[in-house]
N, C-alpha and C. Protein backbone atom coordinates (compact mmCIF):
# COMPACT_ATOMS: atom_id res chain seq x y z
N UNK A 1 101.17 81.48 96.28
CA UNK A 1 102.19 82.51 96.28
C UNK A 1 102.30 83.06 97.70
N UNK A 2 103.53 83.31 98.17
CA UNK A 2 103.72 83.88 99.50
C UNK A 2 104.53 85.15 99.36
N UNK A 3 104.07 86.21 99.99
CA UNK A 3 104.75 87.49 99.94
C UNK A 3 104.66 88.12 101.31
N UNK A 4 105.79 88.40 101.93
CA UNK A 4 105.84 89.03 103.24
C UNK A 4 104.97 88.32 104.28
N UNK A 5 104.97 86.99 104.25
CA UNK A 5 104.23 86.22 105.23
C UNK A 5 102.74 86.16 104.96
N UNK A 6 102.29 86.68 103.83
CA UNK A 6 100.87 86.66 103.49
C UNK A 6 100.69 85.67 102.35
N UNK A 7 99.78 84.73 102.53
CA UNK A 7 99.51 83.75 101.49
C UNK A 7 98.39 84.28 100.61
N UNK A 8 98.58 84.23 99.32
CA UNK A 8 97.57 84.68 98.39
C UNK A 8 97.13 83.51 97.52
N UNK A 9 95.84 83.33 97.38
CA UNK A 9 95.31 82.31 96.50
C UNK A 9 94.36 83.01 95.54
N UNK A 10 94.59 82.83 94.27
CA UNK A 10 93.72 83.45 93.28
C UNK A 10 92.97 82.35 92.56
N UNK A 11 91.66 82.43 92.61
CA UNK A 11 90.79 81.45 91.95
C UNK A 11 89.82 82.22 91.08
N UNK A 12 89.35 81.60 90.06
CA UNK A 12 88.30 82.22 89.27
C UNK A 12 87.07 81.34 89.32
N UNK A 13 85.92 81.98 89.32
CA UNK A 13 84.67 81.23 89.32
C UNK A 13 84.37 80.76 87.90
N UNK A 14 83.30 79.98 87.75
CA UNK A 14 82.92 79.51 86.42
C UNK A 14 82.69 80.71 85.51
N UNK A 15 83.07 80.58 84.25
CA UNK A 15 82.88 81.71 83.33
C UNK A 15 81.41 82.12 83.24
N UNK A 16 81.18 83.39 83.39
CA UNK A 16 79.87 83.97 83.20
C UNK A 16 80.06 85.14 82.25
N UNK A 17 79.16 86.09 82.30
CA UNK A 17 79.35 87.26 81.46
C UNK A 17 80.68 87.93 81.78
N UNK A 18 81.02 88.02 83.04
CA UNK A 18 82.26 88.65 83.48
C UNK A 18 82.92 87.73 84.51
N UNK A 19 84.12 87.27 84.21
CA UNK A 19 84.82 86.39 85.13
C UNK A 19 85.39 87.24 86.27
N UNK A 20 85.10 86.84 87.50
CA UNK A 20 85.59 87.56 88.67
C UNK A 20 86.68 86.74 89.33
N UNK A 21 87.69 87.41 89.83
CA UNK A 21 88.74 86.75 90.57
C UNK A 21 88.38 86.69 92.04
N UNK A 22 88.95 85.72 92.71
CA UNK A 22 88.73 85.59 94.15
C UNK A 22 90.10 85.50 94.79
N UNK A 23 90.33 86.29 95.83
CA UNK A 23 91.61 86.33 96.52
C UNK A 23 91.37 86.00 97.98
N UNK A 24 92.18 85.10 98.52
CA UNK A 24 92.12 84.77 99.94
C UNK A 24 93.44 85.22 100.55
N UNK A 25 93.36 86.02 101.61
CA UNK A 25 94.59 86.50 102.25
C UNK A 25 94.52 86.25 103.75
N UNK A 26 95.70 86.14 104.34
CA UNK A 26 95.81 86.03 105.80
C UNK A 26 96.33 87.38 106.30
N UNK A 27 95.62 87.97 107.25
CA UNK A 27 95.99 89.27 107.78
C UNK A 27 96.43 89.15 109.23
N UNK A 28 97.35 90.00 109.62
CA UNK A 28 97.76 90.07 111.02
C UNK A 28 96.62 90.70 111.82
N UNK A 29 96.63 90.52 113.13
CA UNK A 29 95.59 91.15 113.95
C UNK A 29 95.55 92.68 113.76
N UNK A 30 96.71 93.31 113.59
CA UNK A 30 96.76 94.76 113.38
C UNK A 30 96.09 95.13 112.06
N UNK A 31 96.35 94.35 111.01
CA UNK A 31 95.73 94.62 109.71
C UNK A 31 94.22 94.43 109.76
N UNK A 32 93.76 93.43 110.50
CA UNK A 32 92.32 93.21 110.66
C UNK A 32 91.69 94.41 111.38
N UNK A 33 92.38 94.92 112.40
CA UNK A 33 91.87 96.09 113.13
C UNK A 33 91.79 97.30 112.21
N UNK A 34 92.79 97.48 111.35
CA UNK A 34 92.78 98.60 110.39
C UNK A 34 91.63 98.42 109.41
N UNK A 35 91.45 97.20 108.92
CA UNK A 35 90.36 96.91 107.99
C UNK A 35 89.00 97.22 108.63
N UNK A 36 88.83 96.81 109.87
CA UNK A 36 87.58 97.09 110.59
C UNK A 36 87.37 98.59 110.78
N UNK A 37 88.45 99.30 111.10
CA UNK A 37 88.35 100.75 111.29
C UNK A 37 87.96 101.44 109.97
N UNK A 38 88.59 101.01 108.87
CA UNK A 38 88.24 101.57 107.56
C UNK A 38 86.78 101.28 107.21
N UNK A 39 86.34 100.08 107.50
CA UNK A 39 84.96 99.69 107.20
C UNK A 39 83.99 100.56 107.98
N UNK A 40 84.27 100.77 109.26
CA UNK A 40 83.40 101.61 110.10
C UNK A 40 83.43 103.07 109.64
N UNK A 41 84.62 103.59 109.39
CA UNK A 41 84.77 105.00 109.03
C UNK A 41 84.09 105.31 107.71
N UNK A 42 84.23 104.41 106.74
CA UNK A 42 83.66 104.65 105.41
C UNK A 42 82.21 104.18 105.31
N UNK A 43 81.73 103.54 106.36
CA UNK A 43 80.38 102.98 106.38
C UNK A 43 80.17 101.98 105.25
N UNK A 44 81.24 101.27 104.90
CA UNK A 44 81.16 100.23 103.87
C UNK A 44 80.32 99.09 104.41
N UNK A 45 79.59 98.45 103.51
CA UNK A 45 78.75 97.34 103.93
C UNK A 45 79.54 96.05 104.09
N UNK A 46 80.63 95.90 103.33
CA UNK A 46 81.41 94.67 103.37
C UNK A 46 82.90 94.98 103.36
N UNK A 47 83.69 94.01 103.79
CA UNK A 47 85.15 94.18 103.70
C UNK A 47 85.58 94.17 102.24
N UNK A 48 84.85 93.49 101.39
CA UNK A 48 85.16 93.49 99.96
C UNK A 48 85.09 94.91 99.41
N UNK A 49 84.10 95.66 99.84
CA UNK A 49 83.96 97.05 99.40
C UNK A 49 85.18 97.87 99.84
N UNK A 50 85.66 97.64 101.06
CA UNK A 50 86.85 98.35 101.55
C UNK A 50 88.06 97.99 100.69
N UNK A 51 88.25 96.71 100.39
CA UNK A 51 89.38 96.30 99.55
C UNK A 51 89.29 96.92 98.16
N UNK A 52 88.10 96.92 97.57
CA UNK A 52 87.95 97.50 96.23
C UNK A 52 88.27 98.99 96.24
N UNK A 53 87.77 99.71 97.25
CA UNK A 53 88.05 101.14 97.36
C UNK A 53 89.55 101.39 97.56
N UNK A 54 90.18 100.56 98.39
CA UNK A 54 91.61 100.69 98.64
C UNK A 54 92.42 100.41 97.39
N UNK A 55 92.00 99.42 96.64
CA UNK A 55 92.67 99.08 95.39
C UNK A 55 92.58 100.23 94.39
N UNK A 56 91.39 100.83 94.28
CA UNK A 56 91.22 101.98 93.37
C UNK A 56 92.11 103.14 93.80
N UNK A 57 92.18 103.40 95.11
CA UNK A 57 93.01 104.49 95.61
C UNK A 57 94.49 104.24 95.32
N UNK A 58 94.96 103.04 95.60
CA UNK A 58 96.37 102.70 95.34
C UNK A 58 96.67 102.81 93.84
N UNK A 59 95.74 102.37 93.00
CA UNK A 59 95.92 102.43 91.56
C UNK A 59 95.99 103.89 91.08
N UNK A 60 95.15 104.74 91.63
CA UNK A 60 95.16 106.16 91.28
C UNK A 60 96.49 106.81 91.66
N UNK A 61 96.98 106.50 92.86
CA UNK A 61 98.27 107.04 93.31
C UNK A 61 99.40 106.53 92.42
N UNK A 62 99.37 105.24 92.09
CA UNK A 62 100.40 104.67 91.23
C UNK A 62 100.42 105.35 89.86
N UNK A 63 99.25 105.56 89.27
CA UNK A 63 99.19 106.22 87.97
C UNK A 63 99.67 107.66 88.04
N UNK A 64 99.37 108.35 89.13
CA UNK A 64 99.87 109.71 89.30
C UNK A 64 101.40 109.70 89.32
N UNK A 65 101.98 108.76 90.08
CA UNK A 65 103.44 108.64 90.13
C UNK A 65 104.03 108.37 88.76
N UNK A 66 103.41 107.44 88.03
CA UNK A 66 103.91 107.09 86.70
C UNK A 66 103.91 108.29 85.76
N UNK A 67 103.00 109.23 85.99
CA UNK A 67 102.90 110.41 85.15
C UNK A 67 103.65 111.61 85.71
N UNK A 68 104.55 111.34 86.66
CA UNK A 68 105.39 112.40 87.20
C UNK A 68 104.70 113.29 88.21
N UNK A 69 103.55 112.88 88.69
CA UNK A 69 102.83 113.67 89.68
C UNK A 69 103.10 113.14 91.08
N UNK A 70 102.73 113.89 92.06
CA UNK A 70 102.82 113.39 93.43
C UNK A 70 101.55 113.75 94.17
N UNK A 71 101.21 112.92 95.11
CA UNK A 71 100.01 113.12 95.90
C UNK A 71 100.46 113.56 97.29
N UNK A 72 99.94 114.71 97.73
CA UNK A 72 100.33 115.25 99.02
C UNK A 72 99.12 115.37 99.93
N UNK A 73 99.38 115.20 101.22
CA UNK A 73 98.36 115.41 102.23
C UNK A 73 98.81 116.61 103.05
N UNK A 74 97.96 117.62 103.11
CA UNK A 74 98.31 118.84 103.84
C UNK A 74 97.32 119.09 104.96
N UNK A 75 97.73 119.90 105.89
CA UNK A 75 96.86 120.29 107.00
C UNK A 75 96.30 121.67 106.68
N UNK A 76 95.02 121.77 106.35
CA UNK A 76 94.46 123.07 105.98
C UNK A 76 94.49 124.08 107.13
N UNK A 77 94.58 123.59 108.36
CA UNK A 77 94.64 124.49 109.51
C UNK A 77 96.02 125.11 109.68
N UNK A 78 97.04 124.52 109.04
CA UNK A 78 98.40 125.03 109.15
C UNK A 78 99.05 125.06 107.77
N UNK A 79 98.84 126.14 107.03
CA UNK A 79 99.36 126.21 105.66
C UNK A 79 100.89 126.18 105.59
N UNK A 80 101.58 126.41 106.70
CA UNK A 80 103.05 126.39 106.70
C UNK A 80 103.62 125.00 107.00
N UNK A 81 102.75 124.07 107.37
CA UNK A 81 103.21 122.72 107.68
C UNK A 81 103.67 122.03 106.39
N UNK A 82 104.71 121.23 106.52
CA UNK A 82 105.22 120.49 105.36
C UNK A 82 104.26 119.36 105.02
N UNK A 83 103.89 119.25 103.74
CA UNK A 83 102.95 118.19 103.37
C UNK A 83 103.59 116.80 103.44
N UNK A 84 102.77 115.81 103.74
CA UNK A 84 103.21 114.42 103.66
C UNK A 84 103.01 113.96 102.23
N UNK A 85 103.95 113.21 101.73
CA UNK A 85 103.86 112.72 100.36
C UNK A 85 103.46 111.26 100.39
N UNK A 86 102.46 110.92 99.59
CA UNK A 86 101.95 109.56 99.51
C UNK A 86 102.45 108.93 98.23
N UNK A 87 102.95 107.70 98.34
CA UNK A 87 103.40 106.98 97.16
C UNK A 87 103.17 105.50 97.33
N UNK A 88 103.29 104.79 96.24
CA UNK A 88 103.20 103.33 96.28
C UNK A 88 104.48 102.76 95.69
N UNK A 89 104.86 101.59 96.14
CA UNK A 89 106.08 100.99 95.64
C UNK A 89 107.28 101.51 96.41
N UNK A 90 108.45 101.29 95.83
CA UNK A 90 109.69 101.66 96.48
C UNK A 90 110.06 103.12 96.32
N UNK A 91 109.57 103.72 95.26
CA UNK A 91 109.93 105.11 94.99
C UNK A 91 108.78 106.03 95.33
N UNK A 92 109.07 107.00 96.17
CA UNK A 92 108.08 108.01 96.51
C UNK A 92 108.52 109.29 95.82
N UNK A 93 107.63 109.92 95.07
CA UNK A 93 108.02 111.12 94.33
C UNK A 93 108.50 112.21 95.25
N UNK A 94 109.52 112.93 94.83
CA UNK A 94 110.11 113.95 95.67
C UNK A 94 109.61 115.29 95.38
């Protein structure tokens, strides 16, 4: 499957107690730099851990959107600043 220039391959390992999926992706140099920065900042041991954490975060935001909620990022030092709204997909909650 190809999406936005990124090739995705999904494979499954031999059935065990829990079948795990395996994804292979090609990242741009900028995306690799972001991944490395996230890994360092979060002190994750592996890039897999960063992807899993990112997936959970995106899923949480998506579910909030589906339930009519919105996720905002505010600057606690400036309570009058307009918050940034975080969303996933094409629609960002208003």
